[in-house]
């Protein structure tokens, strides 16, 4: 079965405490992360998160943003530009709270074949 040449995807999640894999490139496509928005839903406290890429075949991660502060009822757009993911790379957001942060991630998957 042939994959479409280009496929846009919108991924959403409510983050839980710990490491959240928002997207993992696991098929034969090249993925471009177009945008990311993280919103703090907590009415009282600012929230903090770390954003990283976990490279394929590696236990280590590449930190994009550490200790990002998201004020009460505000949003953070943490990416200054686009990011390319290769096969089995993962886009991960880590937080210490559950249910207070929503994330929206826009990606473009490009067929390699």
Protein backbone atom coordinates (compact mmCIF):
# COMPACT_ATOMS: atom_id res chain seq x y z
CA UNK A 1 0.00 0.00 0.00
CA UNK A 2 1.43 3.34 -1.04
CA UNK A 3 1.52 6.21 1.42
CA UNK A 4 0.26 9.63 0.34
CA UNK A 5 3.08 11.95 -0.72
CA UNK A 6 2.25 14.52 2.01
CA UNK A 7 0.05 14.04 5.06
CA UNK A 8 -0.69 16.81 7.56
CA UNK A 9 -1.58 15.67 11.07
CA UNK A 10 -2.85 17.49 14.15
CA UNK A 11 -2.03 15.71 17.41
CA UNK A 12 -3.51 16.68 20.77
CA UNK A 13 -2.90 15.46 24.31
CA UNK A 14 -3.52 16.31 27.94
CA UNK A 15 -0.16 15.79 29.64
CA UNK A 16 0.32 13.49 32.61
CA UNK A 17 3.09 13.62 35.19
CA UNK A 18 6.35 12.31 33.79
CA UNK A 19 7.49 11.85 30.22
CA UNK A 20 4.85 12.18 27.47
CA UNK A 21 5.69 10.98 23.95
CA UNK A 22 3.58 13.29 21.79
CA UNK A 23 4.79 11.93 18.46
CA UNK A 24 7.11 9.13 17.39
CA UNK A 25 8.18 8.67 13.80
CA UNK A 26 7.83 4.92 13.28
CA UNK A 27 6.97 4.45 9.62
CA UNK A 28 9.02 5.10 6.52
CA UNK A 29 8.38 8.84 6.26
CA UNK A 30 10.29 12.01 7.01
CA UNK A 31 8.36 14.07 9.55
CA UNK A 32 8.54 17.82 9.96
CA UNK A 33 7.16 19.31 13.17
CA UNK A 34 5.50 22.52 12.01
CA UNK A 35 4.27 23.95 15.30
CA UNK A 36 3.62 23.19 18.94
CA UNK A 37 1.45 24.94 21.50
CA UNK A 38 1.23 24.07 25.19
CA UNK A 39 -1.54 25.63 27.30
CA UNK A 40 -1.71 25.89 31.10
CA UNK A 41 -5.25 25.08 32.27
CA UNK A 42 -4.48 25.57 35.98
CA UNK A 43 -6.36 28.57 37.43
CA UNK A 44 -3.86 29.14 40.28
CA UNK A 45 -0.34 27.92 39.51
CA UNK A 46 2.11 28.40 36.66
CA UNK A 47 3.27 25.10 35.17
CA UNK A 48 6.69 23.98 33.99
CA UNK A 49 7.80 21.51 31.34
CA UNK A 50 10.83 20.20 29.48
CA UNK A 51 10.77 19.52 25.74
CA UNK A 52 13.15 17.07 24.05
CA UNK A 53 13.84 14.89 21.04
CA UNK A 54 14.82 11.28 21.74
CA UNK A 55 16.95 10.08 18.83
CA UNK A 56 16.45 6.69 17.22
CA UNK A 57 18.58 3.93 18.72
CA UNK A 58 19.75 6.11 21.59
CA UNK A 59 18.76 6.29 25.22
CA UNK A 60 19.89 9.91 25.35
CA UNK A 61 17.76 12.89 24.52
CA UNK A 62 18.39 16.27 22.95
CA UNK A 63 16.84 18.98 25.14
CA UNK A 64 15.10 21.75 23.22
CA UNK A 65 13.73 23.63 26.23
CA UNK A 66 14.35 23.08 29.96
CA UNK A 67 12.04 24.33 32.73
CA UNK A 68 9.72 26.28 30.44
CA UNK A 69 7.40 28.44 32.56
CA UNK A 70 3.78 28.65 31.38
CA UNK A 71 1.78 31.24 33.38
CA UNK A 72 -1.82 30.68 34.53
CA UNK A 73 -4.23 30.41 31.54
CA UNK A 74 -1.42 31.20 29.09
CA UNK A 75 0.09 29.31 26.17
CA UNK A 76 3.66 28.66 25.11
CA UNK A 77 4.84 28.16 21.53
CA UNK A 78 8.21 26.55 22.32
CA UNK A 79 9.57 26.01 18.81
CA UNK A 80 11.30 28.86 17.00
CA UNK A 81 11.33 26.89 13.74
CA UNK A 82 10.56 23.55 12.20
CA UNK A 83 12.17 20.30 13.37
CA UNK A 84 12.79 17.20 11.26
CA UNK A 85 12.34 13.76 12.81
CA UNK A 86 13.87 10.61 11.35
CA UNK A 87 12.63 7.05 11.77
CA UNK A 88 11.97 6.16 15.43
CA UNK A 89 12.79 9.68 16.71
CA UNK A 90 10.33 10.91 19.36
CA UNK A 91 9.08 14.36 20.40
CA UNK A 92 8.69 14.27 24.19
CA UNK A 93 7.31 16.69 26.79
CA UNK A 94 8.01 16.11 30.49
CA UNK A 95 6.04 17.69 33.32
CA UNK A 96 5.60 17.08 37.04
CA UNK A 97 1.81 17.52 37.13
CA UNK A 98 -1.14 15.70 35.56
CA UNK A 99 -4.05 17.26 33.74
CA UNK A 100 -2.96 20.91 33.83
CA UNK A 101 -1.29 21.13 30.42
CA UNK A 102 -2.78 20.59 26.96
CA UNK A 103 -0.58 20.29 23.88
CA UNK A 104 -1.33 20.69 20.18
CA UNK A 105 1.29 19.51 17.70
CA UNK A 106 1.11 20.02 13.92
CA UNK A 107 3.24 17.73 11.76
CA UNK A 108 3.81 17.06 8.08
CA UNK A 109 4.68 13.50 7.11
CA UNK A 110 6.46 13.15 3.74
CA UNK A 111 6.63 9.78 2.02
CA UNK A 112 10.19 8.72 1.25
CA UNK A 113 9.21 6.17 -1.40
